[in-house]
């Protein structure tokens, strides 16, 4: 069975359904590429996927090592380039809650982020600019 079923609904918009859960995501072309910009663009989802994947794998690593990252926030900035039009850089800035993370815990979290499946799957020409602000919230 397929994982996702996507339909082009017209006017540069798609609707993707996650087959297991039934959850849906709408995408819209961005304003700078003939769209309305009324929803995530496909490249926005790439950037969001990278950040969410990092947080998920970091959460797993934290759980395995008996600490938590609850409340951690990320700010994601996607930077497009041209010729060809593509994502050139994704900047992800982590803001961790005040947990007094040890050096070991910080290393565990950084390793998890840099080795999440999405980080390892995106093309190496996409710069992953990752900033870790521990104990900042």
N, C-alpha and C. Protein backbone atom coordinates (compact mmCIF):
# COMPACT_ATOMS: atom_id res chain seq x y z
N UNK A 1 0.84 -1.19 0.00
CA UNK A 1 0.00 0.00 0.00
C UNK A 1 0.88 1.25 0.00
N UNK A 2 0.47 2.23 -0.75
CA UNK A 2 1.26 3.46 -0.81
C UNK A 2 1.25 4.18 0.53
N UNK A 3 2.23 5.04 0.73
CA UNK A 3 2.35 5.82 1.96
C UNK A 3 1.50 7.09 1.89
N UNK A 4 1.56 7.75 0.74
CA UNK A 4 0.88 9.04 0.54
C UNK A 4 0.19 9.00 -0.82
N UNK A 5 -0.99 9.58 -0.89
CA UNK A 5 -1.69 9.74 -2.16
C UNK A 5 -1.93 11.23 -2.36
N UNK A 6 -1.43 11.76 -3.46
CA UNK A 6 -1.51 13.19 -3.74
C UNK A 6 -2.32 13.44 -5.00
N UNK A 7 -3.16 14.48 -4.94
CA UNK A 7 -4.00 14.88 -6.07
C UNK A 7 -3.71 16.33 -6.41
N UNK A 8 -3.54 16.61 -7.69
CA UNK A 8 -3.44 18.00 -8.14
C UNK A 8 -4.86 18.53 -8.24
N UNK A 9 -5.17 19.56 -7.45
CA UNK A 9 -6.54 20.08 -7.39
C UNK A 9 -6.75 21.30 -8.26
N UNK A 10 -5.71 21.74 -8.96
CA UNK A 10 -5.81 22.89 -9.85
C UNK A 10 -5.22 24.14 -9.22
N UNK A 11 -4.97 25.11 -10.04
CA UNK A 11 -4.45 26.41 -9.63
C UNK A 11 -3.19 26.29 -8.76
N UNK A 12 -2.31 25.38 -9.16
CA UNK A 12 -1.00 25.17 -8.53
C UNK A 12 -1.10 24.69 -7.09
N UNK A 13 -2.15 23.92 -6.79
CA UNK A 13 -2.39 23.40 -5.45
C UNK A 13 -2.49 21.88 -5.50
N UNK A 14 -1.98 21.22 -4.44
CA UNK A 14 -2.12 19.78 -4.31
C UNK A 14 -2.72 19.45 -2.94
N UNK A 15 -3.27 18.27 -2.85
CA UNK A 15 -3.76 17.74 -1.58
C UNK A 15 -3.14 16.36 -1.40
N UNK A 16 -2.38 16.20 -0.31
CA UNK A 16 -1.71 14.94 -0.03
C UNK A 16 -2.35 14.30 1.20
N UNK A 17 -2.69 13.01 1.07
CA UNK A 17 -3.30 12.27 2.18
C UNK A 17 -2.35 11.19 2.65
N UNK A 18 -2.09 11.19 3.95
CA UNK A 18 -1.31 10.13 4.59
C UNK A 18 -2.23 8.94 4.73
N UNK A 19 -1.91 7.85 4.06
CA UNK A 19 -2.84 6.74 3.94
C UNK A 19 -3.10 6.03 5.27
N UNK A 20 -2.12 5.94 6.13
CA UNK A 20 -2.33 5.24 7.40
C UNK A 20 -3.25 6.02 8.34
N UNK A 21 -3.05 7.33 8.44
CA UNK A 21 -3.80 8.13 9.41
C UNK A 21 -4.97 8.89 8.81
N UNK A 22 -4.92 9.13 7.51
CA UNK A 22 -5.95 9.94 6.87
C UNK A 22 -5.68 11.44 6.96
N UNK A 23 -4.58 11.83 7.62
CA UNK A 23 -4.24 13.25 7.72
C UNK A 23 -3.96 13.82 6.33
N UNK A 24 -4.32 15.10 6.14
CA UNK A 24 -4.11 15.73 4.84
C UNK A 24 -3.26 16.99 4.97
N UNK A 25 -2.49 17.23 3.92
CA UNK A 25 -1.68 18.45 3.81
C UNK A 25 -1.99 19.06 2.45
N UNK A 26 -2.24 20.34 2.45
CA UNK A 26 -2.43 21.10 1.21
C UNK A 26 -1.13 21.82 0.90
N UNK A 27 -0.70 21.80 -0.35
CA UNK A 27 0.44 22.63 -0.76
C UNK A 27 -0.04 23.63 -1.79
N UNK A 28 0.63 24.75 -1.83
CA UNK A 28 0.32 25.81 -2.78
C UNK A 28 1.64 26.37 -3.29
N UNK A 29 1.68 26.70 -4.55
CA UNK A 29 2.89 27.33 -5.09
C UNK A 29 3.09 28.68 -4.40
N UNK A 30 4.34 29.06 -4.14
CA UNK A 30 4.59 30.35 -3.50
C UNK A 30 4.31 31.51 -4.45
N UNK A 31 4.10 32.67 -3.86
CA UNK A 31 3.79 33.87 -4.64
C UNK A 31 4.90 34.17 -5.65
N UNK A 32 6.16 33.94 -5.28
CA UNK A 32 7.26 34.23 -6.19
C UNK A 32 7.42 33.18 -7.29
N UNK A 33 6.51 32.20 -7.33
CA UNK A 33 6.54 31.19 -8.40
C UNK A 33 5.12 30.93 -8.91
N UNK A 34 4.38 32.02 -9.13
CA UNK A 34 3.07 32.03 -9.77
C UNK A 34 1.93 31.53 -8.90
N UNK A 35 2.17 31.27 -7.62
CA UNK A 35 1.13 30.73 -6.76
C UNK A 35 0.48 31.79 -5.89
N UNK A 36 -0.44 31.32 -5.05
CA UNK A 36 -1.14 32.19 -4.12
C UNK A 36 -0.43 32.28 -2.77
N UNK A 37 0.41 31.30 -2.46
CA UNK A 37 1.12 31.30 -1.19
C UNK A 37 0.18 31.15 0.00
N UNK A 38 -0.91 30.43 -0.19
CA UNK A 38 -1.91 30.29 0.87
C UNK A 38 -1.70 29.06 1.74
N UNK A 39 -0.68 28.28 1.45
CA UNK A 39 -0.36 27.08 2.23
C UNK A 39 1.14 26.82 2.10
N UNK A 40 1.61 25.81 2.80
CA UNK A 40 3.01 25.42 2.64
C UNK A 40 3.28 25.12 1.17
N UNK A 41 4.45 25.54 0.69
CA UNK A 41 4.88 25.12 -0.65
C UNK A 41 5.59 23.77 -0.49
N UNK A 42 5.77 23.03 -1.56
CA UNK A 42 6.53 21.78 -1.45
C UNK A 42 7.92 21.98 -0.85
N UNK A 43 8.59 23.07 -1.21
CA UNK A 43 9.93 23.30 -0.64
C UNK A 43 9.85 23.72 0.83
N UNK A 44 8.75 24.38 1.23
CA UNK A 44 8.54 24.65 2.66
C UNK A 44 8.46 23.33 3.43
N UNK A 45 7.76 22.36 2.83
CA UNK A 45 7.62 21.06 3.49
C UNK A 45 8.97 20.36 3.62
N UNK A 46 9.85 20.53 2.63
CA UNK A 46 11.19 19.96 2.74
C UNK A 46 11.89 20.53 3.97
N UNK A 47 11.84 21.85 4.13
CA UNK A 47 12.50 22.50 5.27
C UNK A 47 11.84 22.09 6.58
N UNK A 48 10.50 22.04 6.61
CA UNK A 48 9.79 21.61 7.81
C UNK A 48 10.10 20.16 8.15
N UNK A 49 10.20 19.32 7.12
CA UNK A 49 10.53 17.91 7.34
C UNK A 49 11.90 17.76 7.97
N UNK A 50 12.85 18.55 7.50
CA UNK A 50 14.20 18.49 8.07
C UNK A 50 14.16 18.85 9.55
N UNK A 51 13.51 19.94 9.89
CA UNK A 51 13.44 20.35 11.29
C UNK A 51 12.68 19.36 12.16
N UNK A 52 11.54 18.89 11.68
CA UNK A 52 10.74 17.93 12.45
C UNK A 52 11.48 16.61 12.63
N UNK A 53 12.18 16.18 11.61
CA UNK A 53 12.96 14.94 11.70
C UNK A 53 14.05 15.09 12.76
N UNK A 54 14.76 16.22 12.73
CA UNK A 54 15.80 16.44 13.72
C UNK A 54 15.24 16.39 15.13
N UNK A 55 14.12 17.10 15.36
CA UNK A 55 13.52 17.11 16.69
C UNK A 55 13.06 15.72 17.12
N UNK A 56 12.50 14.97 16.19
CA UNK A 56 12.02 13.63 16.52
C UNK A 56 13.17 12.71 16.92
N UNK A 57 14.24 12.71 16.13
CA UNK A 57 15.38 11.83 16.43
C UNK A 57 16.08 12.29 17.71
N UNK A 58 16.12 13.60 17.94
CA UNK A 58 16.69 14.11 19.19
C UNK A 58 15.83 13.67 20.37
N UNK A 59 14.51 13.69 20.21
CA UNK A 59 13.61 13.23 21.26
C UNK A 59 13.83 11.77 21.59
N UNK A 60 14.02 10.95 20.56
CA UNK A 60 14.32 9.52 20.78
C UNK A 60 15.63 9.36 21.53
N UNK A 61 16.66 10.09 21.10
CA UNK A 61 17.97 10.00 21.76
C UNK A 61 17.87 10.46 23.21
N UNK A 62 17.15 11.56 23.45
CA UNK A 62 17.01 12.05 24.82
C UNK A 62 16.28 11.03 25.69
N UNK A 63 15.21 10.44 25.16
CA UNK A 63 14.47 9.41 25.91
C UNK A 63 15.37 8.23 26.27
N UNK A 64 16.16 7.79 25.28
CA UNK A 64 17.05 6.65 25.53
C UNK A 64 18.10 6.95 26.59
N UNK A 65 18.48 8.23 26.71
CA UNK A 65 19.52 8.61 27.68
C UNK A 65 18.91 9.25 28.93
N UNK A 66 17.60 9.11 29.09
CA UNK A 66 16.89 9.51 30.32
C UNK A 66 16.93 11.01 30.62
N UNK A 67 16.75 11.83 29.57
CA UNK A 67 16.52 13.27 29.76
C UNK A 67 15.51 13.69 28.72
N UNK A 68 15.04 14.93 28.80
CA UNK A 68 14.02 15.33 27.83
C UNK A 68 14.38 16.66 27.17
N UNK A 69 13.71 16.88 26.06
CA UNK A 69 13.88 18.14 25.32
C UNK A 69 12.52 18.82 25.16
N UNK A 70 11.56 18.45 26.03
CA UNK A 70 10.22 19.02 25.95
C UNK A 70 10.28 20.55 25.94
N UNK A 71 9.53 21.15 25.05
CA UNK A 71 9.50 22.61 24.95
C UNK A 71 10.53 23.19 24.00
N UNK A 72 11.39 22.35 23.44
CA UNK A 72 12.38 22.84 22.48
C UNK A 72 11.66 23.42 21.26
N UNK A 73 12.14 24.55 20.81
CA UNK A 73 11.56 25.22 19.65
C UNK A 73 12.61 25.36 18.56
N UNK A 74 12.16 25.41 17.31
CA UNK A 74 13.08 25.68 16.22
C UNK A 74 12.49 26.76 15.32
N UNK A 75 13.37 27.60 14.83
CA UNK A 75 13.03 28.59 13.80
C UNK A 75 13.71 28.11 12.53
N UNK A 76 12.92 27.95 11.47
CA UNK A 76 13.43 27.41 10.22
C UNK A 76 13.34 28.48 9.14
N UNK A 77 14.45 28.70 8.45
CA UNK A 77 14.48 29.63 7.32
C UNK A 77 14.95 28.88 6.09
N UNK A 78 14.12 28.91 5.05
CA UNK A 78 14.44 28.25 3.78
C UNK A 78 14.92 29.33 2.82
N UNK A 79 16.04 29.09 2.18
CA UNK A 79 16.61 30.05 1.24
C UNK A 79 16.67 29.40 -0.14
N UNK A 80 15.97 30.02 -1.09
CA UNK A 80 15.94 29.51 -2.45
C UNK A 80 17.07 30.14 -3.26
N UNK A 81 17.54 29.39 -4.25
CA UNK A 81 18.52 29.91 -5.21
C UNK A 81 17.98 29.65 -6.61
N UNK A 82 18.60 30.26 -7.61
CA UNK A 82 18.13 30.06 -8.98
C UNK A 82 19.18 29.40 -9.86
N UNK A 83 18.71 29.03 -11.03
CA UNK A 83 19.55 28.43 -12.08
C UNK A 83 20.26 27.16 -11.64
N UNK A 84 19.57 26.12 -11.33
CA UNK A 84 18.11 25.99 -11.37
C UNK A 84 17.48 26.41 -10.05
N UNK A 85 16.19 26.74 -10.11
CA UNK A 85 15.44 27.11 -8.91
C UNK A 85 15.38 25.88 -8.00
N UNK A 86 15.87 26.05 -6.77
CA UNK A 86 15.91 24.95 -5.80
C UNK A 86 16.20 25.53 -4.42
N UNK A 87 16.05 24.68 -3.42
CA UNK A 87 16.44 25.07 -2.06
C UNK A 87 17.96 25.05 -2.01
N UNK A 88 18.55 26.17 -1.63
CA UNK A 88 20.00 26.26 -1.52
C UNK A 88 20.49 26.10 -0.10
N UNK A 89 19.65 26.52 0.86
CA UNK A 89 20.05 26.46 2.26
C UNK A 89 18.82 26.34 3.14
N UNK A 90 18.96 25.57 4.21
CA UNK A 90 17.95 25.54 5.27
C UNK A 90 18.68 25.87 6.56
N UNK A 91 18.24 26.96 7.19
CA UNK A 91 18.81 27.36 8.47
C UNK A 91 17.83 26.92 9.55
N UNK A 92 18.33 26.17 10.51
CA UNK A 92 17.51 25.71 11.62
C UNK A 92 18.19 26.15 12.91
N UNK A 93 17.46 26.96 13.68
CA UNK A 93 18.00 27.45 14.94
C UNK A 93 17.18 26.85 16.09
N UNK A 94 17.85 26.05 16.90
CA UNK A 94 17.22 25.39 18.04
C UNK A 94 17.28 26.30 19.26
N UNK A 95 16.18 26.35 19.99
CA UNK A 95 16.13 27.04 21.29
C UNK A 95 15.65 26.01 22.30
N UNK A 96 16.56 25.56 23.13
CA UNK A 96 16.27 24.53 24.13
C UNK A 96 15.85 25.18 25.44
N UNK A 97 14.99 24.51 26.20
CA UNK A 97 14.59 25.05 27.50
C UNK A 97 15.75 24.96 28.49
N UNK A 98 15.63 25.72 29.56
CA UNK A 98 16.67 25.70 30.60
C UNK A 98 16.66 24.36 31.31
N UNK A 99 17.53 23.47 30.89
CA UNK A 99 17.64 22.14 31.49
C UNK A 99 19.07 21.88 31.97
N UNK A 100 19.95 22.85 31.81
CA UNK A 100 21.35 22.65 32.16
C UNK A 100 21.90 21.38 31.54
N UNK A 101 21.77 21.28 30.22
CA UNK A 101 22.25 20.11 29.50
C UNK A 101 23.75 19.97 29.67
N UNK A 102 24.18 18.76 30.00
CA UNK A 102 25.61 18.49 30.15
C UNK A 102 26.27 18.49 28.78
N UNK A 103 27.59 18.53 28.78
CA UNK A 103 28.34 18.46 27.51
C UNK A 103 27.99 17.16 26.78
N UNK A 104 27.87 16.07 27.51
CA UNK A 104 27.53 14.78 26.91
C UNK A 104 26.14 14.81 26.27
N UNK A 105 25.18 15.38 26.99
CA UNK A 105 23.83 15.49 26.45
C UNK A 105 23.80 16.37 25.20
N UNK A 106 24.56 17.45 25.21
CA UNK A 106 24.63 18.33 24.04
C UNK A 106 25.21 17.58 22.84
N UNK A 107 26.26 16.79 23.07
CA UNK A 107 26.85 16.00 21.99
C UNK A 107 25.85 14.99 21.43
N UNK A 108 25.11 14.34 22.32
CA UNK A 108 24.09 13.37 21.90
C UNK A 108 23.06 14.05 21.01
N UNK A 109 22.58 15.22 21.42
CA UNK A 109 21.54 15.92 20.66
C UNK A 109 22.06 16.41 19.31
N UNK A 110 23.26 16.94 19.30
CA UNK A 110 23.84 17.40 18.03
C UNK A 110 24.04 16.24 17.06
N UNK A 111 24.52 15.13 17.56
CA UNK A 111 24.74 13.95 16.72
C UNK A 111 23.41 13.46 16.16
N UNK A 112 22.39 13.41 17.00
CA UNK A 112 21.07 12.96 16.56
C UNK A 112 20.53 13.87 15.46
N UNK A 113 20.65 15.17 15.64
CA UNK A 113 20.14 16.12 14.65
C UNK A 113 20.83 15.95 13.30
N UNK A 114 22.14 15.90 13.33
CA UNK A 114 22.90 15.81 12.07
C UNK A 114 22.75 14.46 11.37
N UNK A 115 22.25 13.46 12.10
CA UNK A 115 22.13 12.12 11.53
C UNK A 115 20.70 11.64 11.40
N UNK A 116 19.74 12.56 11.42
CA UNK A 116 18.36 12.14 11.23
C UNK A 116 18.17 11.72 9.76
N UNK A 117 17.19 10.88 9.48
CA UNK A 117 17.01 10.38 8.11
C UNK A 117 16.84 11.47 7.04
N UNK A 118 16.14 12.54 7.36
CA UNK A 118 15.97 13.60 6.34
C UNK A 118 17.29 14.32 6.10
N UNK A 119 18.02 14.62 7.17
CA UNK A 119 19.32 15.29 7.01
C UNK A 119 20.26 14.47 6.13
N UNK A 120 20.17 13.15 6.26
CA UNK A 120 21.04 12.27 5.48
C UNK A 120 20.49 12.03 4.07
N UNK A 121 19.25 12.44 3.82
CA UNK A 121 18.61 12.18 2.53
C UNK A 121 18.64 13.37 1.57
N UNK A 122 18.71 14.59 2.10
CA UNK A 122 18.70 15.75 1.20
C UNK A 122 20.03 15.84 0.46
N UNK A 123 19.97 16.44 -0.70
CA UNK A 123 21.15 16.55 -1.55
C UNK A 123 22.26 17.31 -0.82
N UNK A 124 23.50 16.88 -0.97
CA UNK A 124 24.61 17.55 -0.26
C UNK A 124 24.83 18.99 -0.69
N UNK A 125 24.28 19.41 -1.82
CA UNK A 125 24.41 20.81 -2.23
C UNK A 125 23.51 21.74 -1.41
N UNK A 126 22.56 21.17 -0.66
CA UNK A 126 21.71 21.99 0.20
C UNK A 126 22.45 22.20 1.52
N UNK A 127 22.81 23.44 1.79
CA UNK A 127 23.51 23.76 3.03
C UNK A 127 22.55 23.62 4.20
N UNK A 128 22.93 22.82 5.18
CA UNK A 128 22.17 22.68 6.41
C UNK A 128 22.90 23.49 7.48
N UNK A 129 22.40 24.68 7.74
CA UNK A 129 23.00 25.61 8.68
C UNK A 129 22.27 25.42 10.02
N UNK A 130 22.86 24.66 10.92
CA UNK A 130 22.21 24.27 12.16
C UNK A 130 22.85 25.00 13.34
N UNK A 131 22.02 25.68 14.12
CA UNK A 131 22.48 26.45 15.28
C UNK A 131 21.81 25.88 16.53
N UNK A 132 22.59 25.55 17.53
CA UNK A 132 22.08 24.99 18.78
C UNK A 132 22.22 26.03 19.90
N UNK A 133 21.12 26.50 20.44
CA UNK A 133 21.13 27.41 21.58
C UNK A 133 20.62 26.66 22.79
N UNK A 134 21.54 26.11 23.57
CA UNK A 134 21.15 25.34 24.74
C UNK A 134 20.81 26.27 25.90
N UNK A 135 19.82 25.87 26.67
CA UNK A 135 19.41 26.61 27.86
C UNK A 135 19.01 28.05 27.55
N UNK A 136 18.22 28.22 26.46
CA UNK A 136 17.91 29.58 26.03
C UNK A 136 16.47 30.00 26.29
N UNK A 137 15.59 29.05 26.57
CA UNK A 137 14.18 29.43 26.78
C UNK A 137 13.92 29.60 28.26
